[in-house]
Protein backbone atom coordinates (compact mmCIF):
# COMPACT_ATOMS: atom_id res chain seq x y z
CA UNK A 1 -18.40 11.13 -4.61
CA UNK A 2 -15.84 10.54 -7.35
CA UNK A 3 -15.78 13.75 -9.91
CA UNK A 4 -15.99 12.24 -13.45
CA UNK A 5 -17.72 9.22 -14.64
CA UNK A 6 -16.14 6.02 -14.69
CA UNK A 7 -14.94 4.77 -17.73
CA UNK A 8 -16.82 2.19 -19.70
CA UNK A 9 -16.63 -1.17 -19.79
CA UNK A 10 -13.13 -1.21 -18.16
CA UNK A 11 -10.53 -4.16 -18.22
CA UNK A 12 -7.11 -4.74 -17.03
CA UNK A 13 -4.87 -1.67 -18.02
CA UNK A 14 -7.89 0.61 -17.89
CA UNK A 15 -7.26 3.99 -15.78
CA UNK A 16 -9.37 6.72 -14.44
CA UNK A 17 -8.40 10.32 -13.41
CA UNK A 18 -9.79 11.76 -10.39
CA UNK A 19 -9.82 15.56 -10.70
CA UNK A 20 -10.52 16.25 -6.87
CA UNK A 21 -6.97 15.16 -5.80
CA UNK A 22 -5.02 14.63 -9.16
CA UNK A 23 -4.93 10.66 -8.40
CA UNK A 24 -4.99 8.34 -11.24
CA UNK A 25 -7.11 4.75 -10.50
CA UNK A 26 -6.22 1.57 -12.07
CA UNK A 27 -8.97 -1.31 -12.56
CA UNK A 28 -8.63 -4.25 -11.19
CA UNK A 29 -10.77 -6.94 -12.79
CA UNK A 30 -12.77 -9.70 -10.84
CA UNK A 31 -11.83 -13.19 -10.14
CA UNK A 32 -9.88 -15.15 -7.86
CA UNK A 33 -6.37 -15.35 -6.75
CA UNK A 34 -4.03 -16.95 -4.37
CA UNK A 35 -3.35 -14.99 -1.29
CA UNK A 36 -0.82 -15.52 1.54
CA UNK A 37 2.64 -17.61 1.32
CA UNK A 38 4.09 -21.12 2.65
CA UNK A 39 7.35 -19.56 2.31
CA UNK A 40 8.13 -17.23 5.00
CA UNK A 41 11.00 -16.58 7.06
CA UNK A 42 8.96 -15.40 10.23
CA UNK A 43 5.85 -17.71 11.04
CA UNK A 44 4.86 -14.67 13.55
CA UNK A 45 3.35 -12.73 10.59
CA UNK A 46 0.61 -15.62 10.01
CA UNK A 47 0.77 -15.32 6.29
CA UNK A 48 -0.36 -19.17 6.06
CA UNK A 49 -1.57 -20.74 4.59
CA UNK A 50 -2.17 -19.82 0.97
CA UNK A 51 -5.76 -19.91 0.48
CA UNK A 52 -7.95 -19.19 -2.95
CA UNK A 53 -10.04 -15.92 -2.61
CA UNK A 54 -12.42 -14.37 -4.83
CA UNK A 55 -12.59 -10.43 -5.05
CA UNK A 56 -15.30 -8.26 -7.35
CA UNK A 57 -13.80 -5.83 -9.71
CA UNK A 58 -12.37 -2.60 -7.95
CA UNK A 59 -10.32 0.39 -8.94
CA UNK A 60 -7.20 1.36 -6.66
CA UNK A 61 -4.70 4.48 -6.79
CA UNK A 62 -2.05 3.84 -9.13
CA UNK A 63 0.56 5.39 -6.46
CA UNK A 64 0.84 6.29 -2.74
CA UNK A 65 -1.19 9.31 -1.88
CA UNK A 66 1.28 12.24 -2.13
CA UNK A 67 2.04 15.24 0.23
CA UNK A 68 0.29 17.76 -2.53
CA UNK A 69 -2.69 15.63 -2.73
CA UNK A 70 -2.91 15.17 1.01
CA UNK A 71 -2.64 18.72 1.31
CA UNK A 72 -5.61 19.60 -0.74
CA UNK A 73 -7.55 17.58 1.67
CA UNK A 74 -6.39 19.59 4.81
CA UNK A 75 -6.80 23.13 2.94
CA UNK A 76 -10.68 21.85 2.36
CA UNK A 77 -10.66 21.46 6.09
CA UNK A 78 -11.45 17.45 5.70
CA UNK A 79 -7.99 16.11 7.10
CA UNK A 80 -5.72 16.90 9.77
CA UNK A 81 -2.33 17.62 8.89
CA UNK A 82 0.42 15.12 9.01
CA UNK A 83 1.50 14.30 12.71
CA UNK A 84 4.81 15.86 11.73
CA UNK A 85 4.46 18.65 9.43
CA UNK A 86 7.33 20.79 9.37
CA UNK A 87 10.08 18.34 9.14
CA UNK A 88 11.10 14.93 8.40
CA UNK A 89 13.21 12.38 10.30
CA UNK A 90 15.95 12.83 7.70
CA UNK A 91 14.57 14.99 4.82
CA UNK A 92 14.37 18.70 6.49
CA UNK A 93 10.91 20.43 5.37
CA UNK A 94 9.34 17.03 3.94
CA UNK A 95 5.64 18.54 4.27
CA UNK A 96 6.32 22.11 3.44
CA UNK A 97 8.75 22.10 0.60
CA UNK A 98 7.88 21.68 -3.01
CA UNK A 99 10.54 19.45 -3.57
CA UNK A 100 8.66 16.82 -1.59
CA UNK A 101 4.89 17.62 -3.25
CA UNK A 102 5.24 14.03 -5.01
CA UNK A 103 6.61 11.90 -2.43
CA UNK A 104 4.27 9.67 -0.33
CA UNK A 105 2.46 11.57 2.52
CA UNK A 106 3.86 10.01 5.90
CA UNK A 107 3.13 10.23 9.72
CA UNK A 108 -0.72 10.26 8.57
CA UNK A 109 -2.57 7.59 11.02
CA UNK A 110 -5.25 5.10 9.94
CA UNK A 111 -7.95 7.46 10.90
CA UNK A 112 -6.17 10.27 8.77
CA UNK A 113 -6.19 8.09 5.61
CA UNK A 114 -9.40 6.93 6.22
CA UNK A 115 -10.84 10.71 6.28
CA UNK A 116 -8.60 11.33 3.22
CA UNK A 117 -10.04 8.42 1.07
CA UNK A 118 -13.76 9.59 2.31
CA UNK A 119 -12.83 13.14 0.88
CA UNK A 120 -11.85 11.86 -2.26
CA UNK A 121 -14.87 9.67 -2.79
CA UNK A 122 -13.12 6.62 -2.20
CA UNK A 123 -12.31 4.53 0.72
CA UNK A 124 -9.03 2.30 1.80
CA UNK A 125 -8.54 -1.19 0.13
CA UNK A 126 -8.92 -4.38 2.23
CA UNK A 127 -5.99 -6.50 2.95
CA UNK A 128 -7.10 -9.00 0.07
CA UNK A 129 -7.63 -6.06 -2.29
CA UNK A 130 -4.33 -4.64 -1.91
CA UNK A 131 -2.51 -8.07 -2.02
CA UNK A 132 -4.20 -8.92 -5.49
CA UNK A 133 -3.21 -5.59 -6.65
CA UNK A 134 0.32 -5.74 -5.45
CA UNK A 135 0.77 -9.35 -7.09
CA UNK A 136 -0.18 -7.62 -10.54
CA UNK A 137 -1.71 -10.84 -12.15
CA UNK A 138 0.99 -13.12 -11.05
CA UNK A 139 0.38 -16.21 -8.80
CA UNK A 140 2.75 -17.67 -6.07
CA UNK A 141 5.31 -15.12 -6.12
CA UNK A 142 7.20 -13.67 -3.75
CA UNK A 143 7.19 -9.81 -5.03
CA UNK A 144 5.36 -7.80 -7.70
CA UNK A 145 7.50 -8.52 -10.52
CA UNK A 146 8.27 -12.49 -9.60
CA UNK A 147 10.71 -14.08 -7.56
CA UNK A 148 13.96 -12.27 -8.40
CA UNK A 149 15.58 -10.37 -5.47
CA UNK A 150 14.80 -6.58 -5.43
CA UNK A 151 17.50 -4.04 -6.16
CA UNK A 152 17.72 -0.08 -5.64
CA UNK A 153 17.72 0.99 -9.17
CA UNK A 154 15.16 3.19 -10.68
CA UNK A 155 13.84 1.64 -14.23
CA UNK A 156 14.86 -1.91 -13.17
CA UNK A 157 11.96 -4.34 -13.37
CA UNK A 158 12.85 -5.53 -10.18
CA UNK A 159 13.56 -2.14 -8.81
CA UNK A 160 12.22 -0.78 -5.17
CA UNK A 161 13.10 1.75 -2.79
CA UNK A 162 14.41 -0.18 0.42
CA UNK A 163 17.23 -1.15 2.59
CA UNK A 164 18.21 -4.25 4.47
CA UNK A 165 20.28 -4.20 7.85
CA UNK A 166 23.49 -5.58 7.76
CA UNK A 167 23.67 -6.07 3.93
CA UNK A 168 24.59 -4.55 0.75
CA UNK A 169 21.33 -5.12 -0.53
CA UNK A 170 19.11 -1.99 -0.98
CA UNK A 171 19.49 1.91 -1.05
CA UNK A 172 22.30 3.70 0.58
CA UNK A 173 19.86 5.64 2.95
CA UNK A 174 16.34 5.19 4.50
CA UNK A 175 14.72 8.20 2.51
CA UNK A 176 11.63 7.90 0.73
CA UNK A 177 11.32 9.10 -3.02
CA UNK A 178 9.21 10.31 -5.63
CA UNK A 179 6.45 7.85 -6.18
CA UNK A 180 6.57 5.97 -9.56
CA UNK A 181 10.63 6.21 -9.25
CA UNK A 182 10.82 2.87 -9.93
CA UNK A 183 9.31 0.32 -12.39
CA UNK A 184 5.12 -0.54 -12.03
CA UNK A 185 3.85 -4.03 -11.63
CA UNK A 186 1.56 -6.05 -14.01
CA UNK A 187 -1.15 -4.20 -13.42
CA UNK A 188 0.62 -0.87 -13.79
CA UNK A 189 0.84 0.01 -10.06
CA UNK A 190 4.08 1.42 -8.34
CA UNK A 191 5.91 1.19 -5.10
CA UNK A 192 3.66 -1.91 -3.93
CA UNK A 193 6.79 -2.71 -2.01
CA UNK A 194 9.27 -0.21 -0.89
CA UNK A 195 9.27 3.52 -0.27
CA UNK A 196 6.33 3.61 2.40
CA UNK A 197 4.28 1.00 3.89
CA UNK A 198 0.25 1.31 3.73
CA UNK A 199 -2.55 1.24 5.58
CA UNK A 200 -5.44 -0.98 4.76
CA UNK A 201 -9.03 -1.41 5.87
CA UNK A 202 -8.81 -4.64 8.09
CA UNK A 203 -8.88 -4.78 12.06
CA UNK A 204 -5.91 -7.01 13.53
CA UNK A 205 -6.29 -8.91 16.65
CA UNK A 206 -3.54 -8.88 19.12
CA UNK A 207 -1.95 -12.24 17.55
CA UNK A 208 -2.64 -11.36 14.01
CA UNK A 209 -5.65 -13.75 13.66
CA UNK A 210 -3.50 -17.23 13.71
CA UNK A 211 -6.23 -18.91 12.28
CA UNK A 212 -7.99 -16.26 10.18
CA UNK A 213 -6.09 -17.24 6.62
CA UNK A 214 -7.27 -21.05 7.16
CA UNK A 215 -11.13 -20.06 7.78
CA UNK A 216 -11.16 -16.96 5.75
CA UNK A 217 -14.47 -16.33 3.74
CA UNK A 218 -13.84 -16.98 -0.05
CA UNK A 219 -15.64 -14.01 -1.39
CA UNK A 220 -14.56 -10.66 -0.22
CA UNK A 221 -12.84 -11.12 2.77
CA UNK A 222 -13.00 -8.05 5.19
CA UNK A 223 -10.65 -9.55 7.74
CA UNK A 224 -11.16 -10.18 11.55
CA UNK A 225 -14.56 -8.70 13.05
CA UNK A 226 -12.86 -7.57 16.20
CA UNK A 227 -9.17 -6.03 17.06
CA UNK A 228 -7.09 -3.55 18.71
CA UNK A 229 -5.50 -1.94 15.67
CA UNK A 230 -5.42 -1.84 11.49
CA UNK A 231 -3.46 -3.64 9.28
CA UNK A 232 -0.41 -2.43 7.20
CA UNK A 233 0.75 -3.87 4.04
CA UNK A 234 3.79 -3.48 1.91
CA UNK A 235 6.93 -2.51 2.65
CA UNK A 236 9.04 0.99 3.51
CA UNK A 237 12.44 2.64 2.62
CA UNK A 238 13.18 1.71 6.06
CA UNK A 239 15.59 -0.92 7.03
CA UNK A 240 14.51 -4.78 7.31
CA UNK A 241 16.04 -7.71 8.66
CA UNK A 242 15.68 -9.61 5.09
CA UNK A 243 14.22 -9.57 1.66
CA UNK A 244 11.27 -11.73 3.04
CA UNK A 245 10.14 -8.42 4.88
CA UNK A 246 9.49 -7.20 1.27
CA UNK A 247 7.33 -9.69 -0.09
CA UNK A 248 3.72 -9.17 -1.21
CA UNK A 249 2.35 -11.45 1.35
CA UNK A 250 3.90 -9.99 4.37
CA UNK A 251 1.36 -8.33 7.15
CA UNK A 252 1.98 -5.55 9.82
CA UNK A 253 -0.16 -4.22 12.20
CA UNK A 254 -0.46 -0.58 13.52
CA UNK A 255 -2.33 1.67 16.01
CA UNK A 256 -4.93 3.57 13.95
CA UNK A 257 -4.24 6.67 16.04
CA UNK A 258 -0.62 7.05 15.17
CA UNK A 259 1.15 7.96 12.22
CA UNK A 260 4.76 6.64 11.16
CA UNK A 261 7.55 7.80 9.24
CA UNK A 262 7.41 4.81 7.24
CA UNK A 263 3.75 4.51 6.42
CA UNK A 264 1.38 5.94 4.12
CA UNK A 265 -1.44 4.78 2.10
CA UNK A 266 -3.51 4.43 -1.50
CA UNK A 267 -7.13 4.46 -1.76
CA UNK A 268 -9.57 2.20 -3.79
CA UNK A 269 -12.94 1.94 -4.93
CA UNK A 270 -15.77 -0.15 -5.90
CA UNK A 271 -17.45 0.28 -9.35
């Protein structure tokens, strides 16, 4: 369970510090939002149609879970170490050097991320919760800050850690960086696109459930009932085909047993 009592009468902008792992939670109020997009460069990701979703209020981690936070769970015996814990494909010592304490933990499976959130007294967010949080209170926009194309510039409103293949857009390399290095969105959340993709709670089918968005429950959707994997949201610092891949509606799928050098996570909590 959470280590401290939640703030009284929270509203947009309210935060809640968790002493167990050092994470700050941000409050997302109840209400409707428009989920999905009609403007996708790849129909295979099944981000259509745009549909109205109602969510109860919830809290969500302000940043991606870091190496230092995850190490506390490992030390408590509640989490397995990252699947590569002495090196990173690009940044040597990623999991053992203090230099990378505040970088997003990578190479953790969906099962690992679930174990961490349980240990911390939280849970993984649903796809719908993740997307509402990523949109930062904006409706119908491509990115967490609006429709302006992202740039690799810390402090810029449209800054993000990303690269695009065969393009000058993005950063000079595919390395991750410290969480919260770029500007937050309207809810005060960092790195909702770029840096690391993120596991979410929902199952996925082999075809990303072609008709799920068309028939999605209106209230607090939990995703498909059956599937062979788990969903990922957001984008990482890895190279993408085009800027659409960094959109807040973009959906991915992954093997829940396997970690990746581009995927981390953040947790959520119901009041």
